[in-house]
Amino acid sequence: MRRVMVRYRVKPDRADENESLVRAVYRELHEKEPEGLRYMTLRLEDGVSFIHISESEGHENPLTKVAAFREFQHEIADRCDEQPVVTEVTEIGSYRFGAD
C-alpha cells in the first residue's frame, strides 16, 4: 500500500480553474470506480493551497488511468506559484476519516 500527500500553491487567478479540474477528476472517479484507490483533495483556507492525499494498492497508481487526472496534471507547473511536493506518509491511526 502506498500513501502519499501532495501539497502545492496555485497562482491566485488560477485557483478556481484548479478546483474545477480537480472536481472533474472526482466526477470521472465516481463513474469508473477504480479498485484499490482512496483519494481526497483539500483546499486550504488561504484559497490557493491544495493538499491531495492518495492511497493505492499494487504497483500502479490507478489515478494514472483517469483521463481527467492527466488533464489536471497537464499544465500544473504553469498554474502553480509553489510546485507540487510529493511526500510518502504512513498512517498511524484514524477515526471516521473519509467515512461516508
PDB file of N, CA and C in Angstrom:
ATOM      1  N   MET A   1       0.849  -1.170   0.000  1.00  0.00           N
ATOM      2  CA  MET A   1       0.000   0.000   0.000  1.00  0.00           C
ATOM      3  C   MET A   1       0.895   1.234   0.000  1.00  0.00           C
ATOM      4  N   ARG A   2       0.617   2.140  -0.890  1.00  0.00           N
ATOM      5  CA  ARG A   2       1.381   3.388  -0.987  1.00  0.00           C
ATOM      6  C   ARG A   2       0.464   4.544  -0.620  1.00  0.00           C
ATOM      7  N   ARG A   3       0.934   5.362   0.299  1.00  0.00           N
ATOM      8  CA  ARG A   3       0.187   6.559   0.709  1.00  0.00           C
ATOM      9  C   ARG A   3       1.060   7.784   0.469  1.00  0.00           C
ATOM     10  N   VAL A   4       0.498   8.759  -0.219  1.00  0.00           N
ATOM     11  CA  VAL A   4       1.236   9.997  -0.471  1.00  0.00           C
ATOM     12  C   VAL A   4       0.365  11.207  -0.189  1.00  0.00           C
ATOM     13  N   MET A   5       1.056  12.284   0.152  1.00  0.00           N
ATOM     14  CA  MET A   5       0.419  13.587   0.309  1.00  0.00           C
ATOM     15  C   MET A   5       1.130  14.528  -0.657  1.00  0.00           C
ATOM     16  N   VAL A   6       0.358  15.290  -1.401  1.00  0.00           N
ATOM     17  CA  VAL A   6       0.914  16.266  -2.338  1.00  0.00           C
ATOM     18  C   VAL A   6       0.381  17.631  -1.933  1.00  0.00           C
ATOM     19  N   ARG A   7       1.298  18.570  -1.773  1.00  0.00           N
ATOM     20  CA  ARG A   7       0.902  19.925  -1.396  1.00  0.00           C
ATOM     21  C   ARG A   7       1.504  20.900  -2.402  1.00  0.00           C
ATOM     22  N   TYR A   8       0.704  21.908  -2.777  1.00  0.00           N
ATOM     23  CA  TYR A   8       1.162  22.933  -3.706  1.00  0.00           C
ATOM     24  C   TYR A   8       0.306  24.182  -3.547  1.00  0.00           C
ATOM     25  N   ARG A   9       0.799  25.278  -4.114  1.00  0.00           N
ATOM     26  CA  ARG A   9       0.058  26.544  -4.079  1.00  0.00           C
ATOM     27  C   ARG A   9      -0.054  27.071  -5.505  1.00  0.00           C
ATOM     28  N   VAL A  10      -1.275  27.403  -5.901  1.00  0.00           N
ATOM     29  CA  VAL A  10      -1.504  27.910  -7.255  1.00  0.00           C
ATOM     30  C   VAL A  10      -1.518  29.435  -7.258  1.00  0.00           C
ATOM     31  N   LYS A  11      -1.384  29.984  -8.447  1.00  0.00           N
ATOM     32  CA  LYS A  11      -1.492  31.435  -8.618  1.00  0.00           C
ATOM     33  C   LYS A  11      -2.930  31.836  -8.291  1.00  0.00           C
ATOM     34  N   PRO A  12      -3.123  32.967  -7.614  1.00  0.00           N
ATOM     35  CA  PRO A  12      -4.479  33.351  -7.194  1.00  0.00           C
ATOM     36  C   PRO A  12      -5.503  33.366  -8.330  1.00  0.00           C
ATOM     37  N   ASP A  13      -5.105  33.793  -9.507  1.00  0.00           N
ATOM     38  CA  ASP A  13      -6.058  33.860 -10.622  1.00  0.00           C
ATOM     39  C   ASP A  13      -6.319  32.499 -11.268  1.00  0.00           C
ATOM     40  N   ARG A  14      -5.651  31.435 -10.765  1.00  0.00           N
ATOM     41  CA  ARG A  14      -5.839  30.095 -11.325  1.00  0.00           C
ATOM     42  C   ARG A  14      -6.460  29.125 -10.316  1.00  0.00           C
ATOM     43  N   ALA A  15      -6.770  29.606  -9.105  1.00  0.00           N
ATOM     44  CA  ALA A  15      -7.264  28.714  -8.047  1.00  0.00           C
ATOM     45  C   ALA A  15      -8.610  28.080  -8.399  1.00  0.00           C
ATOM     46  N   ASP A  16      -9.549  28.858  -8.917  1.00  0.00           N
ATOM     47  CA  ASP A  16     -10.852  28.295  -9.268  1.00  0.00           C
ATOM     48  C   ASP A  16     -10.742  27.326 -10.447  1.00  0.00           C
ATOM     49  N   GLU A  17      -9.865  27.636 -11.381  1.00  0.00           N
ATOM     50  CA  GLU A  17      -9.616  26.725 -12.500  1.00  0.00           C
ATOM     51  C   GLU A  17      -9.059  25.397 -11.974  1.00  0.00           C
ATOM     52  N   ASN A  18      -8.116  25.474 -11.043  1.00  0.00           N
ATOM     53  CA  ASN A  18      -7.540  24.270 -10.458  1.00  0.00           C
ATOM     54  C   ASN A  18      -8.616  23.443  -9.767  1.00  0.00           C
ATOM     55  N   GLU A  19      -9.474  24.109  -9.004  1.00  0.00           N
ATOM     56  CA  GLU A  19     -10.555  23.389  -8.332  1.00  0.00           C
ATOM     57  C   GLU A  19     -11.480  22.719  -9.344  1.00  0.00           C
ATOM     58  N   SER A  20     -11.782  23.392 -10.426  1.00  0.00           N
ATOM     59  CA  SER A  20     -12.638  22.800 -11.461  1.00  0.00           C
ATOM     60  C   SER A  20     -12.006  21.551 -12.067  1.00  0.00           C
ATOM     61  N   LEU A  21     -10.705  21.600 -12.307  1.00  0.00           N
ATOM     62  CA  LEU A  21     -10.006  20.440 -12.848  1.00  0.00           C
ATOM     63  C   LEU A  21     -10.018  19.280 -11.849  1.00  0.00           C
ATOM     64  N   VAL A  22      -9.854  19.588 -10.581  1.00  0.00           N
ATOM     65  CA  VAL A  22      -9.904  18.551  -9.542  1.00  0.00           C
ATOM     66  C   VAL A  22     -11.302  17.943  -9.480  1.00  0.00           C
ATOM     67  N   ARG A  23     -12.332  18.773  -9.534  1.00  0.00           N
ATOM     68  CA  ARG A  23     -13.709  18.263  -9.497  1.00  0.00           C
ATOM     69  C   ARG A  23     -13.988  17.332 -10.675  1.00  0.00           C
ATOM     70  N   ALA A  24     -13.392  17.622 -11.828  1.00  0.00           N
ATOM     71  CA  ALA A  24     -13.553  16.745 -12.994  1.00  0.00           C
ATOM     72  C   ALA A  24     -12.922  15.376 -12.730  1.00  0.00           C
ATOM     73  N   VAL A  25     -11.808  15.359 -12.000  1.00  0.00           N
ATOM     74  CA  VAL A  25     -11.185  14.080 -11.633  1.00  0.00           C
ATOM     75  C   VAL A  25     -12.159  13.264 -10.798  1.00  0.00           C
ATOM     76  N   TYR A  26     -12.804  13.902  -9.824  1.00  0.00           N
ATOM     77  CA  TYR A  26     -13.733  13.171  -8.961  1.00  0.00           C
ATOM     78  C   TYR A  26     -14.972  12.692  -9.711  1.00  0.00           C
ATOM     79  N   ARG A  27     -15.445  13.473 -10.669  1.00  0.00           N
ATOM     80  CA  ARG A  27     -16.574  13.010 -11.483  1.00  0.00           C
ATOM     81  C   ARG A  27     -16.205  11.715 -12.207  1.00  0.00           C
ATOM     82  N   GLU A  28     -15.013  11.706 -12.800  1.00  0.00           N
ATOM     83  CA  GLU A  28     -14.587  10.504 -13.524  1.00  0.00           C
ATOM     84  C   GLU A  28     -14.342   9.332 -12.561  1.00  0.00           C
ATOM     85  N   LEU A  29     -13.768   9.611 -11.399  1.00  0.00           N
ATOM     86  CA  LEU A  29     -13.561   8.545 -10.417  1.00  0.00           C
ATOM     87  C   LEU A  29     -14.882   7.915 -10.000  1.00  0.00           C
ATOM     88  N   HIS A  30     -15.901   8.746  -9.800  1.00  0.00           N
ATOM     89  CA  HIS A  30     -17.214   8.217  -9.414  1.00  0.00           C
ATOM     90  C   HIS A  30     -17.850   7.406 -10.539  1.00  0.00           C
ATOM     91  N   GLU A  31     -17.550   7.757 -11.779  1.00  0.00           N
ATOM     92  CA  GLU A  31     -18.062   6.996 -12.916  1.00  0.00           C
ATOM     93  C   GLU A  31     -17.342   5.662 -13.072  1.00  0.00           C
ATOM     94  N   LYS A  32     -16.018   5.680 -12.993  1.00  0.00           N
ATOM     95  CA  LYS A  32     -15.213   4.482 -13.277  1.00  0.00           C
ATOM     96  C   LYS A  32     -14.975   3.596 -12.055  1.00  0.00           C
ATOM     97  N   GLU A  33     -15.034   4.170 -10.873  1.00  0.00           N
ATOM     98  CA  GLU A  33     -14.836   3.441  -9.612  1.00  0.00           C
ATOM     99  C   GLU A  33     -13.618   2.514  -9.655  1.00  0.00           C
ATOM    100  N   PRO A  34     -12.416   3.063  -9.849  1.00  0.00           N
ATOM    101  CA  PRO A  34     -11.230   2.202  -9.904  1.00  0.00           C
ATOM    102  C   PRO A  34     -10.974   1.504  -8.574  1.00  0.00           C
ATOM    103  N   GLU A  35     -10.581   0.262  -8.663  1.00  0.00           N
ATOM    104  CA  GLU A  35     -10.284  -0.539  -7.474  1.00  0.00           C
ATOM    105  C   GLU A  35      -8.936  -0.121  -6.887  1.00  0.00           C
ATOM    106  N   GLY A  36      -8.826  -0.302  -5.580  1.00  0.00           N
ATOM    107  CA  GLY A  36      -7.548  -0.106  -4.915  1.00  0.00           C
ATOM    108  C   GLY A  36      -7.111   1.335  -4.761  1.00  0.00           C
ATOM    109  N   LEU A  37      -8.054   2.284  -4.750  1.00  0.00           N
ATOM    110  CA  LEU A  37      -7.709   3.701  -4.648  1.00  0.00           C
ATOM    111  C   LEU A  37      -8.586   4.393  -3.623  1.00  0.00           C
ATOM    112  N   ARG A  38      -7.963   5.154  -2.766  1.00  0.00           N
ATOM    113  CA  ARG A  38      -8.644   6.109  -1.883  1.00  0.00           C
ATOM    114  C   ARG A  38      -7.978   7.451  -2.151  1.00  0.00           C
ATOM    115  N   TYR A  39      -8.785   8.494  -2.295  1.00  0.00           N
ATOM    116  CA  TYR A  39      -8.236   9.778  -2.751  1.00  0.00           C
ATOM    117  C   TYR A  39      -9.052  10.905  -2.155  1.00  0.00           C
ATOM    118  N   MET A  40      -8.373  11.949  -1.717  1.00  0.00           N
ATOM    119  CA  MET A  40      -9.045  13.112  -1.155  1.00  0.00           C
ATOM    120  C   MET A  40      -8.253  14.363  -1.528  1.00  0.00           C
ATOM    121  N   THR A  41      -8.967  15.447  -1.779  1.00  0.00           N
ATOM    122  CA  THR A  41      -8.339  16.730  -2.060  1.00  0.00           C
ATOM    123  C   THR A  41      -8.927  17.773  -1.136  1.00  0.00           C
ATOM    124  N   LEU A  42      -8.062  18.623  -0.610  1.00  0.00           N
ATOM    125  CA  LEU A  42      -8.465  19.699   0.292  1.00  0.00           C
ATOM    126  C   LEU A  42      -7.968  21.024  -0.258  1.00  0.00           C
ATOM    127  N   ARG A  43      -8.813  22.048  -0.155  1.00  0.00           N
ATOM    128  CA  ARG A  43      -8.391  23.412  -0.482  1.00  0.00           C
ATOM    129  C   ARG A  43      -8.257  24.146   0.842  1.00  0.00           C
ATOM    130  N   LEU A  44      -7.091  24.699   1.097  1.00  0.00           N
ATOM    131  CA  LEU A  44      -6.831  25.343   2.377  1.00  0.00           C
ATOM    132  C   LEU A  44      -7.484  26.711   2.458  1.00  0.00           C
ATOM    133  N   GLU A  45      -7.575  27.250   3.666  1.00  0.00           N
ATOM    134  CA  GLU A  45      -8.306  28.494   3.894  1.00  0.00           C
ATOM    135  C   GLU A  45      -7.705  29.696   3.177  1.00  0.00           C
ATOM    136  N   ASP A  46      -6.445  29.629   2.762  1.00  0.00           N
ATOM    137  CA  ASP A  46      -5.879  30.745   2.004  1.00  0.00           C
ATOM    138  C   ASP A  46      -6.444  30.810   0.586  1.00  0.00           C
ATOM    139  N   GLY A  47      -7.152  29.742   0.180  1.00  0.00           N
ATOM    140  CA  GLY A  47      -7.815  29.713  -1.120  1.00  0.00           C
ATOM    141  C   GLY A  47      -6.932  29.328  -2.286  1.00  0.00           C
ATOM    142  N   VAL A  48      -5.625  29.260  -2.068  1.00  0.00           N
ATOM    143  CA  VAL A  48      -4.706  28.961  -3.172  1.00  0.00           C
ATOM    144  C   VAL A  48      -3.822  27.734  -2.917  1.00  0.00           C
ATOM    145  N   SER A  49      -3.883  27.184  -1.708  1.00  0.00           N
ATOM    146  CA  SER A  49      -3.098  25.999  -1.381  1.00  0.00           C
ATOM    147  C   SER A  49      -3.996  24.781  -1.399  1.00  0.00           C
ATOM    148  N   PHE A  50      -3.458  23.687  -1.938  1.00  0.00           N
ATOM    149  CA  PHE A  50      -4.212  22.445  -2.064  1.00  0.00           C
ATOM    150  C   PHE A  50      -3.378  21.300  -1.510  1.00  0.00           C
ATOM    151  N   ILE A  51      -4.072  20.317  -0.937  1.00  0.00           N
ATOM    152  CA  ILE A  51      -3.447  19.085  -0.482  1.00  0.00           C
ATOM    153  C   ILE A  51      -4.234  17.926  -1.073  1.00  0.00           C
ATOM    154  N   HIS A  52      -3.525  16.977  -1.652  1.00  0.00           N
ATOM    155  CA  HIS A  52      -4.125  15.752  -2.161  1.00  0.00           C
ATOM    156  C   HIS A  52      -3.559  14.605  -1.326  1.00  0.00           C
ATOM    157  N   ILE A  53      -4.416  13.701  -0.904  1.00  0.00           N
ATOM    158  CA  ILE A  53      -3.985  12.516  -0.170  1.00  0.00           C
ATOM    159  C   ILE A  53      -4.464  11.309  -0.961  1.00  0.00           C
ATOM    160  N   SER A  54      -3.521  10.438  -1.278  1.00  0.00           N
ATOM    161  CA  SER A  54      -3.822   9.276  -2.105  1.00  0.00           C
ATOM    162  C   SER A  54      -3.307   8.017  -1.431  1.00  0.00           C
ATOM    163  N   GLU A  55      -4.122   6.975  -1.511  1.00  0.00           N
ATOM    164  CA  GLU A  55      -3.730   5.663  -1.004  1.00  0.00           C
ATOM    165  C   GLU A  55      -4.060   4.673  -2.108  1.00  0.00           C
ATOM    166  N   SER A  56      -3.051   3.929  -2.548  1.00  0.00           N
ATOM    167  CA  SER A  56      -3.298   2.974  -3.630  1.00  0.00           C
ATOM    168  C   SER A  56      -2.610   1.649  -3.338  1.00  0.00           C
ATOM    169  N   GLU A  57      -3.212   0.602  -3.861  1.00  0.00           N
ATOM    170  CA  GLU A  57      -2.682  -0.750  -3.716  1.00  0.00           C
ATOM    171  C   GLU A  57      -1.963  -1.130  -4.996  1.00  0.00           C
ATOM    172  N   GLY A  58      -1.031  -2.029  -4.885  1.00  0.00           N
ATOM    173  CA  GLY A  58      -0.345  -2.520  -6.076  1.00  0.00           C
ATOM    174  C   GLY A  58       0.765  -1.599  -6.525  1.00  0.00           C
ATOM    175  N   HIS A  59       1.331  -1.946  -7.666  1.00  0.00           N
ATOM    176  CA  HIS A  59       2.491  -1.226  -8.183  1.00  0.00           C
ATOM    177  C   HIS A  59       2.110  -0.020  -9.023  1.00  0.00           C
ATOM    178  N   GLU A  60       0.923  -0.049  -9.578  1.00  0.00           N
ATOM    179  CA  GLU A  60       0.495   1.016 -10.485  1.00  0.00           C
ATOM    180  C   GLU A  60      -0.580   1.869  -9.828  1.00  0.00           C
ATOM    181  N   ASN A  61      -0.411   3.185  -9.894  1.00  0.00           N
ATOM    182  CA  ASN A  61      -1.388   4.106  -9.323  1.00  0.00           C
ATOM    183  C   ASN A  61      -2.596   4.200 -10.260  1.00  0.00           C
ATOM    184  N   PRO A  62      -3.795   3.836  -9.791  1.00  0.00           N
ATOM    185  CA  PRO A  62      -4.991   3.901 -10.646  1.00  0.00           C
ATOM    186  C   PRO A  62      -5.290   5.301 -11.178  1.00  0.00           C
ATOM    187  N   LEU A  63      -4.816   6.337 -10.519  1.00  0.00           N
ATOM    188  CA  LEU A  63      -5.066   7.703 -10.998  1.00  0.00           C
ATOM    189  C   LEU A  63      -4.466   7.948 -12.377  1.00  0.00           C
ATOM    190  N   THR A  64      -3.385   7.272 -12.681  1.00  0.00           N
ATOM    191  CA  THR A  64      -2.729   7.497 -13.966  1.00  0.00           C
ATOM    192  C   THR A  64      -3.586   7.048 -15.151  1.00  0.00           C
ATOM    193  N   LYS A  65      -4.609   6.239 -14.880  1.00  0.00           N
ATOM    194  CA  LYS A  65      -5.513   5.778 -15.939  1.00  0.00           C
ATOM    195  C   LYS A  65      -6.743   6.667 -16.095  1.00  0.00           C
ATOM    196  N   VAL A  66      -6.851   7.702 -15.271  1.00  0.00           N
ATOM    197  CA  VAL A  66      -8.012   8.603 -15.295  1.00  0.00           C
ATOM    198  C   VAL A  66      -7.682   9.796 -16.194  1.00  0.00           C
ATOM    199  N   ALA A  67      -8.424   9.921 -17.290  1.00  0.00           N
ATOM    200  CA  ALA A  67      -8.164  10.984 -18.270  1.00  0.00           C
ATOM    201  C   ALA A  67      -8.230  12.367 -17.632  1.00  0.00           C
ATOM    202  N   ALA A  68      -9.201  12.585 -16.758  1.00  0.00           N
ATOM    203  CA  ALA A  68      -9.343  13.891 -16.114  1.00  0.00           C
ATOM    204  C   ALA A  68      -8.148  14.198 -15.212  1.00  0.00           C
ATOM    205  N   PHE A  69      -7.548  13.185 -14.621  1.00  0.00           N
ATOM    206  CA  PHE A  69      -6.360  13.393 -13.798  1.00  0.00           C
ATOM    207  C   PHE A  69      -5.172  13.792 -14.672  1.00  0.00           C
ATOM    208  N   ARG A  70      -5.051  13.144 -15.815  1.00  0.00           N
ATOM    209  CA  ARG A  70      -3.981  13.526 -16.741  1.00  0.00           C
ATOM    210  C   ARG A  70      -4.175  14.964 -17.217  1.00  0.00           C
ATOM    211  N   GLU A  71      -5.414  15.359 -17.451  1.00  0.00           N
ATOM    212  CA  GLU A  71      -5.705  16.747 -17.845  1.00  0.00           C
ATOM    213  C   GLU A  71      -5.369  17.704 -16.707  1.00  0.00           C
ATOM    214  N   PHE A  72      -5.695  17.336 -15.481  1.00  0.00           N
ATOM    215  CA  PHE A  72      -5.357  18.135 -14.309  1.00  0.00           C
ATOM    216  C   PHE A  72      -3.841  18.341 -14.223  1.00  0.00           C
ATOM    217  N   GLN A  73      -3.069  17.302 -14.461  1.00  0.00           N
ATOM    218  CA  GLN A  73      -1.612  17.383 -14.365  1.00  0.00           C
ATOM    219  C   GLN A  73      -0.971  18.134 -15.528  1.00  0.00           C
ATOM    220  N   HIS A  74      -1.668  18.226 -16.642  1.00  0.00           N
ATOM    221  CA  HIS A  74      -1.093  18.744 -17.889  1.00  0.00           C
ATOM    222  C   HIS A  74      -0.359  20.079 -17.721  1.00  0.00           C
ATOM    223  N   GLU A  75      -0.974  21.073 -17.140  1.00  0.00           N
ATOM    224  CA  GLU A  75      -0.343  22.390 -17.002  1.00  0.00           C
ATOM    225  C   GLU A  75      -0.202  22.795 -15.535  1.00  0.00           C
ATOM    226  N   ILE A  76      -0.028  21.815 -14.665  1.00  0.00           N
ATOM    227  CA  ILE A  76       0.060  22.113 -13.234  1.00  0.00           C
ATOM    228  C   ILE A  76       1.218  23.065 -12.933  1.00  0.00           C
ATOM    229  N   ALA A  77       2.349  22.893 -13.575  1.00  0.00           N
ATOM    230  CA  ALA A  77       3.500  23.759 -13.310  1.00  0.00           C
ATOM    231  C   ALA A  77       3.181  25.212 -13.625  1.00  0.00           C
ATOM    232  N   ASP A  78       2.429  25.445 -14.692  1.00  0.00           N
ATOM    233  CA  ASP A  78       2.070  26.809 -15.077  1.00  0.00           C
ATOM    234  C   ASP A  78       1.057  27.427 -14.114  1.00  0.00           C
ATOM    235  N   ARG A  79       0.181  26.594 -13.527  1.00  0.00           N
ATOM    236  CA  ARG A  79      -0.827  27.108 -12.587  1.00  0.00           C
ATOM    237  C   ARG A  79      -0.241  27.434 -11.222  1.00  0.00           C
ATOM    238  N   CYS A  80       0.931  26.906 -10.910  1.00  0.00           N
ATOM    239  CA  CYS A  80       1.461  26.978  -9.544  1.00  0.00           C
ATOM    240  C   CYS A  80       2.412  28.138  -9.294  1.00  0.00           C
ATOM    241  N   ASP A  81       2.287  28.700  -8.079  1.00  0.00           N
ATOM    242  CA  ASP A  81       3.303  29.591  -7.514  1.00  0.00           C
ATOM    243  C   ASP A  81       4.317  28.757  -6.748  1.00  0.00           C
ATOM    244  N   GLU A  82       3.832  27.688  -6.117  1.00  0.00           N
ATOM    245  CA  GLU A  82       4.682  26.747  -5.383  1.00  0.00           C
ATOM    246  C   GLU A  82       4.416  25.369  -5.959  1.00  0.00           C
ATOM    247  N   GLN A  83       5.429  24.761  -6.558  1.00  0.00           N
ATOM    248  CA  GLN A  83       5.273  23.493  -7.256  1.00  0.00           C
ATOM    249  C   GLN A  83       4.879  22.355  -6.307  1.00  0.00           C
ATOM    250  N   PRO A  84       4.212  21.341  -6.827  1.00  0.00           N
ATOM    251  CA  PRO A  84       3.803  20.206  -6.004  1.00  0.00           C
ATOM    252  C   PRO A  84       4.993  19.496  -5.348  1.00  0.00           C
ATOM    253  N   VAL A  85       4.812  19.191  -4.070  1.00  0.00           N
ATOM    254  CA  VAL A  85       5.785  18.415  -3.320  1.00  0.00           C
ATOM    255  C   VAL A  85       5.089  17.128  -2.898  1.00  0.00           C
ATOM    256  N   VAL A  86       5.646  15.996  -3.305  1.00  0.00           N
ATOM    257  CA  VAL A  86       5.077  14.686  -3.001  1.00  0.00           C
ATOM    258  C   VAL A  86       5.832  14.102  -1.814  1.00  0.00           C
ATOM    259  N   THR A  87       5.065  13.703  -0.786  1.00  0.00           N
ATOM    260  CA  THR A  87       5.651  13.117   0.409  1.00  0.00           C
ATOM    261  C   THR A  87       4.961  11.799   0.700  1.00  0.00           C
ATOM    262  N   GLU A  88       5.730  10.731   0.826  1.00  0.00           N
ATOM    263  CA  GLU A  88       5.136   9.454   1.242  1.00  0.00           C
ATOM    264  C   GLU A  88       4.834   9.546   2.730  1.00  0.00           C
ATOM    265  N   VAL A  89       3.668   9.047   3.124  1.00  0.00           N
ATOM    266  CA  VAL A  89       3.235   9.129   4.519  1.00  0.00           C
ATOM    267  C   VAL A  89       2.835   7.748   5.023  1.00  0.00           C
ATOM    268  N   THR A  90       2.863   7.592   6.341  1.00  0.00           N
ATOM    269  CA  THR A  90       2.464   6.361   6.993  1.00  0.00           C
ATOM    270  C   THR A  90       1.333   6.678   7.952  1.00  0.00           C
ATOM    271  N   GLU A  91       0.231   5.977   7.803  1.00  0.00           N
ATOM    272  CA  GLU A  91      -0.904   6.186   8.705  1.00  0.00           C
ATOM    273  C   GLU A  91      -0.591   5.575  10.068  1.00  0.00           C
ATOM    274  N   ILE A  92      -0.817   6.370  11.093  1.00  0.00           N
ATOM    275  CA  ILE A  92      -0.652   5.895  12.459  1.00  0.00           C
ATOM    276  C   ILE A  92      -2.008   5.501  13.023  1.00  0.00           C
ATOM    277  N   GLY A  93      -3.031   6.196  12.615  1.00  0.00           N
ATOM    278  CA  GLY A  93      -4.386   5.895  13.042  1.00  0.00           C
ATOM    279  C   GLY A  93      -5.351   6.887  12.430  1.00  0.00           C
ATOM    280  N   SER A  94      -6.620   6.562  12.484  1.00  0.00           N
ATOM    281  CA  SER A  94      -7.646   7.492  12.011  1.00  0.00           C
ATOM    282  C   SER A  94      -8.955   7.150  12.711  1.00  0.00           C
ATOM    283  N   TYR A  95      -9.816   8.119  12.768  1.00  0.00           N
ATOM    284  CA  TYR A  95     -11.129   7.918  13.375  1.00  0.00           C
ATOM    285  C   TYR A  95     -12.169   8.521  12.462  1.00  0.00           C
ATOM    286  N   ARG A  96     -12.992   7.688  11.850  1.00  0.00           N
ATOM    287  CA  ARG A  96     -14.062   8.108  10.942  1.00  0.00           C
ATOM    288  C   ARG A  96     -13.586   9.024   9.834  1.00  0.00           C
ATOM    289  N   PHE A  97     -12.339   8.888   9.474  1.00  0.00           N
ATOM    290  CA  PHE A  97     -11.800   9.701   8.406  1.00  0.00           C
ATOM    291  C   PHE A  97     -12.260   9.156   7.077  1.00  0.00           C
ATOM    292  N   GLY A  98     -12.861  10.007   6.262  1.00  0.00           N
ATOM    293  CA  GLY A  98     -13.325   9.582   4.969  1.00  0.00           C
ATOM    294  C   GLY A  98     -14.565   8.723   4.979  1.00  0.00           C
ATOM    295  N   ALA A  99     -15.199   8.590   6.144  1.00  0.00           N
ATOM    296  CA  ALA A  99     -16.413   7.786   6.223  1.00  0.00           C
ATOM    297  C   ALA A  99     -17.548   8.488   5.505  1.00  0.00           C
ATOM    298  N   ASP A 100     -18.332   7.720   4.752  1.00  0.00           N
ATOM    299  CA  ASP A 100     -19.472   8.306   4.029  1.00  0.00           C
ATOM    300  C   ASP A 100     -20.710   8.341   4.906  1.00  0.00           C
TER     301      ASP A 100
END
